[in-house]
N, C-alpha and C. Protein backbone atom coordinates (compact mmCIF):
# COMPACT_ATOMS: atom_id res chain seq x y z
N UNK A 1 1.70 24.20 16.41
CA UNK A 1 0.45 24.07 16.06
C UNK A 1 0.39 22.83 15.13
N UNK A 2 -0.07 21.61 15.13
CA UNK A 2 -0.24 20.52 14.19
C UNK A 2 -0.51 20.85 12.99
N UNK A 3 -0.22 20.28 11.91
CA UNK A 3 -0.45 20.51 10.49
C UNK A 3 -2.06 20.67 10.42
N UNK A 4 -2.68 19.79 10.48
CA UNK A 4 -4.41 19.62 10.55
C UNK A 4 -4.90 20.87 11.18
N UNK A 5 -4.34 21.43 12.18
CA UNK A 5 -5.11 22.45 13.25
C UNK A 5 -4.73 23.73 12.28
N UNK A 6 -3.43 23.61 11.67
CA UNK A 6 -3.06 25.05 10.97
C UNK A 6 -4.03 24.99 9.90
N UNK A 7 -4.23 23.85 8.96
CA UNK A 7 -4.51 24.05 7.91
C UNK A 7 -6.29 23.59 7.64
N UNK A 8 -6.89 23.57 8.91
CA UNK A 8 -8.04 22.85 9.24
C UNK A 8 -9.12 23.58 7.98
N UNK A 9 -9.20 24.98 7.96
CA UNK A 9 -10.23 25.49 6.95
C UNK A 9 -10.14 24.72 5.53
N UNK A 10 -9.01 24.78 5.27
CA UNK A 10 -8.51 24.35 3.95
C UNK A 10 -8.83 22.86 3.54
N UNK A 11 -8.50 22.00 4.73
CA UNK A 11 -8.83 20.96 4.82
C UNK A 11 -10.49 20.36 4.88
N UNK A 12 -10.93 21.06 5.50
CA UNK A 12 -12.49 21.16 5.77
C UNK A 12 -13.00 21.22 4.38
N UNK A 13 -12.73 22.26 3.70
CA UNK A 13 -13.16 22.67 2.24
C UNK A 13 -12.63 21.76 1.33
N UNK A 14 -11.49 21.26 1.16
CA UNK A 14 -11.25 20.09 0.37
C UNK A 14 -12.11 19.01 0.34
N UNK A 15 -12.49 18.35 1.72
CA UNK A 15 -13.24 17.22 2.34
C UNK A 15 -14.61 17.24 1.48
N UNK A 16 -14.92 18.73 1.54
CA UNK A 16 -16.28 18.84 1.18
C UNK A 16 -16.69 19.14 -0.60
N UNK A 17 -15.26 19.10 -1.10
CA UNK A 17 -15.39 18.74 -2.60
C UNK A 17 -14.90 20.19 -3.13
N UNK A 18 -14.25 21.06 -2.61
CA UNK A 18 -13.88 22.27 -3.21
C UNK A 18 -12.67 22.36 -3.88
N UNK A 19 -12.60 22.17 -5.08
CA UNK A 19 -11.49 22.04 -6.25
C UNK A 19 -10.34 22.96 -5.87
N UNK A 20 -10.62 24.23 -5.60
CA UNK A 20 -9.36 25.16 -5.40
C UNK A 20 -8.75 24.92 -4.15
N UNK A 21 -9.54 24.37 -2.95
CA UNK A 21 -9.01 24.31 -1.82
C UNK A 21 -8.06 23.05 -2.00
N UNK A 22 -8.89 21.86 -2.74
CA UNK A 22 -8.09 20.75 -3.02
C UNK A 22 -6.84 20.94 -3.39
N UNK A 23 -6.43 21.91 -4.59
CA UNK A 23 -5.33 22.30 -5.24
C UNK A 23 -4.34 22.88 -4.18
N UNK A 24 -4.97 23.76 -3.48
CA UNK A 24 -4.03 24.26 -2.37
C UNK A 24 -3.56 23.59 -1.36
N UNK A 25 -4.17 22.45 -1.01
CA UNK A 25 -3.53 21.52 0.03
C UNK A 25 -2.83 20.71 -0.38
N UNK A 26 -3.25 20.69 -1.53
CA UNK A 26 -2.11 19.44 -2.47
C UNK A 26 -0.87 20.55 -2.57
N UNK A 27 -0.69 21.93 -2.69
CA UNK A 27 0.47 22.71 -2.67
C UNK A 27 1.22 22.66 -1.52
N UNK A 28 0.24 23.12 -0.42
CA UNK A 28 0.88 23.35 0.87
C UNK A 28 1.51 21.64 1.14
N UNK A 29 0.98 20.45 1.10
CA UNK A 29 1.61 19.54 1.46
C UNK A 29 2.51 18.63 0.73
N UNK A 30 2.70 19.08 -0.28
CA UNK A 30 3.80 18.52 -1.26
C UNK A 30 5.25 18.92 -0.58
N UNK A 31 5.98 19.84 -0.09
CA UNK A 31 6.99 20.07 0.93
C UNK A 31 7.26 19.00 2.08
N UNK A 32 6.16 18.97 2.79
CA UNK A 32 6.35 17.66 3.41
C UNK A 32 6.26 16.37 3.32
N UNK A 33 5.45 16.30 2.29
CA UNK A 33 5.42 14.84 1.71
C UNK A 33 6.96 14.50 1.10
N UNK A 34 7.43 15.60 0.60
CA UNK A 34 8.76 15.30 -0.26
C UNK A 34 9.76 15.21 0.73
N UNK A 35 9.81 16.00 1.95
CA UNK A 35 11.04 15.77 2.83
C UNK A 35 10.68 14.35 3.67
N UNK A 36 9.52 13.86 3.76
CA UNK A 36 9.33 12.55 4.22
C UNK A 36 9.76 11.39 3.39
N UNK A 37 9.39 11.49 2.10
CA UNK A 37 9.89 10.50 0.86
C UNK A 37 11.46 10.50 1.03
N UNK A 38 12.06 11.68 1.24
CA UNK A 38 13.64 11.58 0.90
C UNK A 38 13.99 10.95 1.96
N UNK A 39 13.56 10.77 3.50
CA UNK A 39 13.98 10.12 4.45
C UNK A 39 13.66 8.51 4.36
N UNK A 40 12.41 8.14 3.56
CA UNK A 40 12.08 6.85 3.51
C UNK A 40 11.83 5.99 2.37
N UNK A 41 12.43 6.66 1.37
CA UNK A 41 12.53 5.92 -0.02
C UNK A 41 14.13 5.94 -0.68
N UNK A 42 14.14 5.22 -1.81
CA UNK A 42 15.24 5.13 -2.27
C UNK A 42 15.31 6.45 -3.06
N UNK A 43 16.52 7.09 -3.42
CA UNK A 43 16.63 8.57 -3.99
C UNK A 43 16.00 8.40 -5.29
N UNK A 44 15.97 7.60 -5.63
CA UNK A 44 15.20 7.48 -7.40
C UNK A 44 13.82 7.64 -7.36
N UNK A 45 13.29 7.07 -6.04
CA UNK A 45 11.92 6.85 -6.01
C UNK A 45 11.18 7.84 -5.38
N UNK A 46 12.03 9.02 -4.84
CA UNK A 46 11.39 10.12 -4.32
C UNK A 46 10.13 10.77 -4.80
N UNK A 47 10.67 11.28 -6.36
CA UNK A 47 9.23 11.90 -7.26
C UNK A 47 8.38 11.08 -7.52
N UNK A 48 8.60 9.62 -7.71
CA UNK A 48 7.33 9.07 -8.23
C UNK A 48 6.49 8.93 -6.51
N UNK A 49 7.32 8.57 -5.56
CA UNK A 49 6.21 8.21 -4.00
C UNK A 49 5.37 9.93 -3.66
N UNK A 50 5.92 11.03 -4.18
CA UNK A 50 5.43 12.19 -4.04
C UNK A 50 4.24 12.31 -4.69
N UNK A 51 4.46 11.99 -5.96
CA UNK A 51 3.23 12.16 -7.16
C UNK A 51 2.00 11.35 -6.64
N UNK A 52 2.54 9.95 -6.38
CA UNK A 52 1.43 8.80 -5.84
C UNK A 52 0.84 9.13 -4.54
N UNK A 53 1.61 9.94 -3.72
CA UNK A 53 0.82 9.86 -2.37
C UNK A 53 -0.14 11.32 -2.85
N UNK A 54 0.41 12.50 -3.48
CA UNK A 54 -0.30 13.54 -3.74
C UNK A 54 -1.86 12.95 -4.64
N UNK A 55 -1.51 11.90 -5.74
CA UNK A 55 -3.22 11.47 -6.19
C UNK A 55 -3.93 10.50 -5.44
N UNK A 56 -3.62 9.83 -4.61
CA UNK A 56 -4.15 8.96 -3.58
C UNK A 56 -4.79 10.16 -2.50
N UNK A 57 -3.79 11.03 -2.18
CA UNK A 57 -4.64 12.37 -1.10
C UNK A 57 -5.91 12.71 -1.91
N UNK A 58 -5.86 13.06 -3.50
CA UNK A 58 -6.75 14.21 -4.14
C UNK A 58 -8.09 13.41 -4.13
N UNK A 59 -7.75 11.94 -4.33
CA UNK A 59 -9.19 10.71 -4.41
C UNK A 59 -9.54 10.45 -3.10
N UNK A 60 -8.83 10.78 -2.40
CA UNK A 60 -9.35 10.12 -1.24
C UNK A 60 -9.53 11.18 0.55
N UNK A 61 -8.93 12.22 0.19
CA UNK A 61 -9.32 13.35 1.09
C UNK A 61 -11.03 13.63 1.95
N UNK A 62 -11.72 13.18 0.44
CA UNK A 62 -13.23 13.44 0.96
C UNK A 62 -13.88 12.34 1.77
N UNK A 63 -12.90 11.27 1.83
CA UNK A 63 -13.21 10.19 2.79
C UNK A 63 -12.98 9.99 4.13
N UNK A 64 -12.19 10.95 4.16
CA UNK A 64 -11.20 11.06 5.69
C UNK A 64 -12.46 11.33 6.96
N UNK A 65 -12.17 10.47 7.61
CA UNK A 65 -13.22 10.64 8.84
C UNK A 65 -12.70 11.65 10.04
N UNK A 66 -11.82 11.58 10.29
CA UNK A 66 -11.03 12.36 11.63
C UNK A 66 -9.96 13.25 10.88
N UNK A 67 -10.38 14.64 10.87
CA UNK A 67 -9.21 15.67 10.56
C UNK A 67 -8.03 15.54 11.32
N UNK A 68 -8.48 15.29 12.71
CA UNK A 68 -7.03 14.96 13.31
C UNK A 68 -5.99 13.95 12.78
N UNK A 69 -6.66 12.90 12.10
CA UNK A 69 -5.81 11.81 11.48
C UNK A 69 -5.19 12.01 10.22
N UNK A 70 -5.56 13.18 9.54
CA UNK A 70 -4.89 13.32 8.37
C UNK A 70 -3.40 13.22 8.11
N UNK A 71 -2.45 14.04 9.06
CA UNK A 71 -1.20 14.21 8.68
C UNK A 71 -0.31 12.72 8.88
N UNK A 72 -1.27 11.94 9.92
CA UNK A 72 -0.76 10.49 10.08
C UNK A 72 -1.12 9.41 9.22
N UNK A 73 -2.33 9.70 8.63
CA UNK A 73 -2.68 9.29 7.38
C UNK A 73 -1.65 9.39 5.99
N UNK A 74 -1.75 10.70 6.00
CA UNK A 74 -0.86 10.95 4.62
C UNK A 74 0.48 10.48 4.69
N UNK A 75 1.29 10.63 5.67
CA UNK A 75 2.44 10.10 5.82
C UNK A 75 2.67 8.82 5.99
N UNK A 76 1.56 7.78 6.17
CA UNK A 76 1.45 6.44 6.22
C UNK A 76 1.24 6.43 4.55
N UNK A 77 0.46 7.27 3.72
CA UNK A 77 0.42 6.72 2.43
C UNK A 77 1.78 6.95 1.72
N UNK A 78 2.60 8.03 2.30
CA UNK A 78 3.89 8.18 1.79
C UNK A 78 4.64 6.60 1.87
N UNK A 79 4.66 6.58 2.92
CA UNK A 79 5.68 5.15 3.69
C UNK A 79 5.30 4.15 2.65
N UNK A 80 3.72 3.85 2.56
CA UNK A 80 3.31 2.68 1.99
C UNK A 80 3.97 2.61 0.06
N UNK A 81 3.69 4.02 -0.21
CA UNK A 81 4.46 4.23 -1.54
C UNK A 81 5.92 3.87 -1.93
N UNK A 82 6.51 4.24 -0.87
CA UNK A 82 7.93 4.10 -0.92
C UNK A 82 8.57 2.62 -0.53
N UNK A 83 7.66 1.85 0.06
CA UNK A 83 7.88 0.56 0.13
C UNK A 83 7.74 -0.18 -0.97
N UNK A 84 6.22 0.31 -1.58
CA UNK A 84 6.01 -0.23 -3.06
C UNK A 84 6.96 -0.28 -3.98
N UNK A 85 7.52 0.88 -4.26
CA UNK A 85 8.47 1.24 -5.09
C UNK A 85 9.67 0.76 -4.95
N UNK A 86 10.11 0.46 -3.84
CA UNK A 86 11.31 -0.20 -3.08
C UNK A 86 11.33 -1.85 -3.59
N UNK A 87 10.48 -2.12 -3.44
CA UNK A 87 9.89 -3.67 -3.55
C UNK A 87 10.10 -3.78 -5.18
N UNK A 88 9.33 -3.04 -5.90
CA UNK A 88 9.42 -3.07 -7.28
C UNK A 88 10.77 -2.94 -8.08
N UNK A 89 11.74 -1.54 -7.23
CA UNK A 89 12.96 -1.61 -7.93
C UNK A 89 14.00 -2.69 -7.56
N UNK A 90 13.83 -3.51 -6.84
CA UNK A 90 14.78 -4.58 -6.17
C UNK A 90 13.75 -5.99 -6.88
N UNK A 91 12.94 -6.04 -7.36
CA UNK A 91 12.26 -6.90 -8.04
C UNK A 91 11.81 -7.97 -6.74
N UNK A 92 11.59 -7.31 -5.86
CA UNK A 92 11.05 -8.48 -4.65
C UNK A 92 9.84 -7.69 -3.73
N UNK A 93 8.70 -8.81 -4.02
CA UNK A 93 7.83 -8.41 -3.30
C UNK A 93 7.09 -9.41 -2.29
N UNK A 94 7.68 -9.63 -1.13
CA UNK A 94 7.02 -10.57 -0.18
C UNK A 94 5.65 -10.71 0.01
N UNK A 95 4.82 -9.82 -0.47
CA UNK A 95 3.42 -9.70 -0.35
C UNK A 95 2.39 -9.93 -1.72
N UNK A 96 3.61 -9.94 -2.55
CA UNK A 96 2.79 -10.63 -4.01
C UNK A 96 1.29 -9.50 -4.05
N UNK A 97 1.60 -8.13 -4.05
CA UNK A 97 0.63 -7.23 -4.17
C UNK A 97 -0.02 -7.61 -5.47
N UNK A 98 0.35 -7.69 -6.80
CA UNK A 98 -0.15 -7.68 -7.80
C UNK A 98 -0.90 -8.99 -8.11
N UNK A 99 -0.04 -9.88 -7.61
CA UNK A 99 -1.07 -11.11 -7.40
C UNK A 99 -2.35 -11.09 -6.60
N UNK A 100 -2.27 -10.51 -5.39
CA UNK A 100 -3.69 -10.26 -4.70
C UNK A 100 -4.41 -9.21 -5.36
N UNK A 101 -4.26 -8.19 -5.97
CA UNK A 101 -4.86 -7.43 -6.74
C UNK A 101 -5.71 -8.09 -7.71
N UNK A 102 -4.96 -9.00 -8.63
CA UNK A 102 -5.63 -9.83 -9.62
C UNK A 102 -6.94 -10.93 -8.92
N UNK A 103 -6.23 -11.30 -7.62
CA UNK A 103 -7.25 -12.13 -7.18
C UNK A 103 -8.58 -11.81 -6.37
N UNK A 104 -8.15 -10.66 -6.04
CA UNK A 104 -9.57 -9.59 -5.66
C UNK A 104 -10.35 -9.17 -6.67
N UNK A 105 -9.56 -8.87 -8.15
CA UNK A 105 -10.54 -8.68 -9.09
C UNK A 105 -11.30 -9.73 -9.35
N UNK A 106 -11.03 -10.61 -9.51
CA UNK A 106 -11.90 -11.92 -9.77
C UNK A 106 -12.68 -12.45 -9.09
N UNK A 107 -12.99 -11.97 -7.83
CA UNK A 107 -13.66 -12.68 -6.72
C UNK A 107 -15.13 -11.45 -6.56
N UNK A 108 -15.93 -12.08 -6.42
CA UNK A 108 -17.36 -11.27 -5.80
C UNK A 108 -17.08 -11.20 -4.31
N UNK A 109 -17.90 -10.21 -3.50
CA UNK A 109 -17.69 -10.05 -2.27
C UNK A 109 -18.05 -11.61 -1.62
N UNK A 110 -19.15 -12.19 -2.14
CA UNK A 110 -19.87 -13.56 -1.72
C UNK A 110 -18.52 -14.35 -1.69
N UNK A 111 -18.02 -14.64 -2.86
CA UNK A 111 -16.62 -15.71 -2.62
C UNK A 111 -15.61 -15.22 -1.81
N UNK A 112 -15.23 -13.98 -1.65
CA UNK A 112 -14.67 -13.54 -1.12
C UNK A 112 -14.77 -13.99 0.39
N UNK A 113 -15.76 -13.42 0.96
CA UNK A 113 -16.21 -14.33 2.30
C UNK A 113 -16.10 -15.80 2.62
N UNK A 114 -16.51 -16.32 1.46
CA UNK A 114 -16.30 -18.13 1.50
C UNK A 114 -14.97 -18.31 1.61
N UNK A 115 -14.39 -17.79 0.57
CA UNK A 115 -12.67 -17.91 0.70
C UNK A 115 -11.96 -17.77 1.86
N UNK A 116 -12.22 -16.57 2.17
CA UNK A 116 -11.84 -15.93 3.95
C UNK A 116 -12.06 -16.96 5.03
N UNK A 117 -13.47 -17.42 4.68
CA UNK A 117 -13.80 -18.40 5.88
C UNK A 117 -13.19 -19.56 5.77
N UNK A 118 -12.87 -20.08 4.68
CA UNK A 118 -12.44 -21.61 4.58
C UNK A 118 -10.70 -21.48 5.11
N UNK A 119 -10.19 -20.25 4.60
CA UNK A 119 -8.82 -19.97 5.06
C UNK A 119 -8.81 -19.86 6.43
N UNK A 120 -9.76 -19.32 7.09
CA UNK A 120 -9.37 -19.12 9.06
C UNK A 120 -9.84 -20.68 9.10
N UNK A 121 -10.79 -21.32 8.58
CA UNK A 121 -10.95 -22.82 9.39
C UNK A 121 -9.86 -23.61 8.95
N UNK A 122 -8.67 -23.17 8.07
CA UNK A 122 -7.54 -24.18 7.62
C UNK A 122 -6.52 -24.18 8.64
N UNK A 123 -6.66 -22.73 9.51
CA UNK A 123 -5.40 -22.35 10.11
C UNK A 123 -5.65 -23.11 11.54
N UNK A 124 -4.62 -23.05 11.80
CA UNK A 124 -4.01 -23.96 13.32
C UNK A 124 -5.31 -22.93 14.58
N UNK A 125 -5.44 -23.84 15.47
CA UNK A 125 -6.38 -23.18 16.38
C UNK A 125 -5.94 -21.92 16.84
N UNK A 126 -4.40 -21.80 17.25
CA UNK A 126 -3.93 -20.84 17.99
C UNK A 126 -4.06 -19.45 17.20
N UNK A 127 -3.67 -19.68 15.88
CA UNK A 127 -3.40 -18.70 14.85
C UNK A 127 -4.83 -18.22 14.65
N UNK A 128 -5.88 -18.77 14.55
CA UNK A 128 -7.43 -18.54 14.00
C UNK A 128 -7.68 -17.59 15.32
N UNK A 129 -7.43 -18.11 16.43
CA UNK A 129 -8.14 -17.41 17.57
C UNK A 129 -7.47 -15.89 17.72
N UNK A 130 -6.17 -15.63 17.32
CA UNK A 130 -5.48 -14.62 17.36
C UNK A 130 -6.10 -13.55 16.31
N UNK A 131 -6.42 -14.04 15.22
CA UNK A 131 -7.09 -13.33 13.93
C UNK A 131 -8.40 -13.07 14.33
N UNK A 132 -9.06 -13.86 15.34
CA UNK A 132 -10.49 -13.51 15.26
C UNK A 132 -10.42 -12.43 16.32
N UNK A 133 -9.75 -12.48 17.47
CA UNK A 133 -9.54 -11.53 18.64
C UNK A 133 -9.35 -10.30 18.00
N UNK A 134 -8.24 -10.08 17.35
CA UNK A 134 -7.66 -8.90 16.34
C UNK A 134 -8.87 -8.09 15.72
N UNK A 135 -8.86 -8.98 14.75
CA UNK A 135 -9.65 -8.30 13.52
C UNK A 135 -11.21 -8.57 13.44
N UNK A 136 -11.88 -9.45 14.04
CA UNK A 136 -13.07 -9.40 14.61
C UNK A 136 -13.68 -8.90 15.80
N UNK A 137 -12.96 -9.22 17.03
CA UNK A 137 -13.10 -8.67 18.13
C UNK A 137 -12.74 -7.34 18.40
N UNK A 138 -11.73 -7.25 17.68
CA UNK A 138 -11.28 -5.66 17.52
C UNK A 138 -10.40 -5.15 19.25
N UNK A 139 -9.88 -6.47 19.59
CA UNK A 139 -9.02 -6.08 20.81
C UNK A 139 -7.80 -5.56 20.45
N UNK A 140 -7.22 -4.92 21.24
CA UNK A 140 -5.38 -4.15 21.09
C UNK A 140 -4.64 -5.46 21.38
N UNK A 141 -3.50 -5.14 21.01
CA UNK A 141 -2.55 -6.25 21.51
C UNK A 141 -2.29 -6.80 22.81
N UNK A 142 -2.46 -5.55 23.72
CA UNK A 142 -2.15 -5.37 25.28
C UNK A 142 -3.49 -6.71 25.53
N UNK A 143 -4.53 -6.18 25.09
CA UNK A 143 -5.99 -6.87 25.75
C UNK A 143 -5.58 -8.42 24.85
N UNK A 144 -5.33 -8.74 23.70
CA UNK A 144 -4.99 -9.87 23.86
C UNK A 144 -3.83 -10.83 24.25
N UNK A 145 -2.75 -9.77 24.60
CA UNK A 145 -2.06 -10.49 25.42
C UNK A 145 -2.59 -11.19 26.71
N UNK A 146 -3.20 -10.20 27.32
CA UNK A 146 -3.86 -10.55 28.68
C UNK A 146 -4.88 -11.60 28.39
N UNK A 147 -5.65 -11.42 27.80
CA UNK A 147 -6.59 -13.04 27.01
C UNK A 147 -5.85 -14.04 27.09
N UNK A 148 -5.01 -13.96 26.08
CA UNK A 148 -4.22 -15.15 25.84
C UNK A 148 -3.10 -15.81 26.91
N UNK A 149 -2.91 -14.73 27.75
CA UNK A 149 -1.89 -15.07 28.71
C UNK A 149 -0.13 -15.32 27.97
N UNK A 150 -0.07 -14.27 27.05
CA UNK A 150 1.44 -13.90 26.11
C UNK A 150 1.43 -13.01 26.29
N UNK A 151 3.03 -12.72 26.13
CA UNK A 151 3.78 -11.30 26.08
C UNK A 151 2.70 -10.66 25.01
N UNK A 152 3.06 -9.25 24.86
CA UNK A 152 2.82 -8.62 23.59
C UNK A 152 3.36 -9.04 22.54
N UNK A 153 4.82 -9.40 22.44
CA UNK A 153 5.59 -9.36 21.96
C UNK A 153 5.07 -10.85 20.92
N UNK A 154 4.66 -11.82 21.84
CA UNK A 154 4.54 -13.13 21.46
C UNK A 154 3.21 -12.93 20.56
N UNK A 155 2.15 -12.11 21.12
CA UNK A 155 0.88 -11.75 20.17
C UNK A 155 1.48 -11.50 18.98
N UNK A 156 1.87 -10.36 18.75
CA UNK A 156 2.46 -9.68 17.48
C UNK A 156 3.05 -10.79 16.76
N UNK A 157 3.78 -11.45 16.96
CA UNK A 157 4.41 -12.28 16.42
C UNK A 157 3.64 -13.72 15.66
N UNK A 158 2.78 -14.22 16.78
CA UNK A 158 1.48 -15.13 16.36
C UNK A 158 0.67 -14.12 15.29
N UNK A 159 0.47 -13.12 15.18
CA UNK A 159 -0.67 -12.41 14.70
C UNK A 159 -0.17 -12.37 13.10
N UNK A 160 1.36 -11.94 13.05
CA UNK A 160 1.99 -11.74 11.75
C UNK A 160 1.97 -13.41 11.13
N UNK A 161 2.45 -14.26 12.15
CA UNK A 161 2.65 -15.67 11.20
C UNK A 161 0.93 -16.15 10.98
N UNK A 162 -0.12 -15.56 11.40
CA UNK A 162 -1.44 -16.10 11.27
C UNK A 162 -1.77 -15.25 9.97
N UNK A 163 -1.62 -14.09 9.72
CA UNK A 163 -2.04 -13.38 8.60
C UNK A 163 -1.15 -13.77 7.28
N UNK A 164 -0.26 -14.14 7.66
CA UNK A 164 0.93 -14.64 6.41
C UNK A 164 0.24 -16.33 5.96
N UNK A 165 0.18 -16.82 6.63
CA UNK A 165 -0.68 -18.15 6.53
C UNK A 165 -1.88 -18.08 5.96
N UNK A 166 -2.83 -16.98 6.13
CA UNK A 166 -3.92 -16.76 5.63
C UNK A 166 -3.83 -15.96 4.14
N UNK A 167 -3.08 -15.58 4.06
CA UNK A 167 -2.52 -14.62 2.71
C UNK A 167 -2.04 -16.14 1.89
N UNK A 168 -1.30 -16.97 2.23
CA UNK A 168 -0.59 -17.98 1.54
C UNK A 168 -1.55 -18.78 1.04
N UNK A 169 -2.77 -19.01 1.88
CA UNK A 169 -3.47 -20.21 1.56
C UNK A 169 -4.50 -19.37 0.46
N UNK A 170 -5.05 -17.93 0.71
CA UNK A 170 -5.84 -17.31 -0.15
C UNK A 170 -5.03 -17.19 -1.62
N UNK A 171 -4.13 -17.06 -1.53
CA UNK A 171 -3.19 -16.82 -2.93
C UNK A 171 -2.73 -17.79 -3.54
N UNK A 172 -2.78 -19.06 -2.83
CA UNK A 172 -2.16 -20.53 -3.30
C UNK A 172 -3.09 -20.82 -4.48
């Protein structure tokens, strides 16, 4: 039986704002989160990743759209925290998360849209097209590969590079 199915009543109660259910859900999830973090984090980051994942879960469980997606979402949160802590420990951040956070904080929604439009316009056409197909038309990698007459691997590579260039443009 999947985690979400086994703890469905508890999860539903926590989603609806029941504080006792949320506390129980946090206790039930902690061992699984810890095991996952032990496999994906540097050993010194396990406790921090677990705490941060539990905090994020407590803040966001009410916004979860699909109960069936809970386990996958939660493990993705832990994985993201492990990566973030690892980058911090190694003083290496290929995505410059803090710079991005600061940039987002000083821009209004309108100016963000304008900046993004300018960034997309600045991309070479083949990179712009792949971003538009994926993020605006919401095509799958397979559908994009068929449309662009490329292999799925080539589409993924092009999409990665397009997003990287867009980020560089926005944060320059």
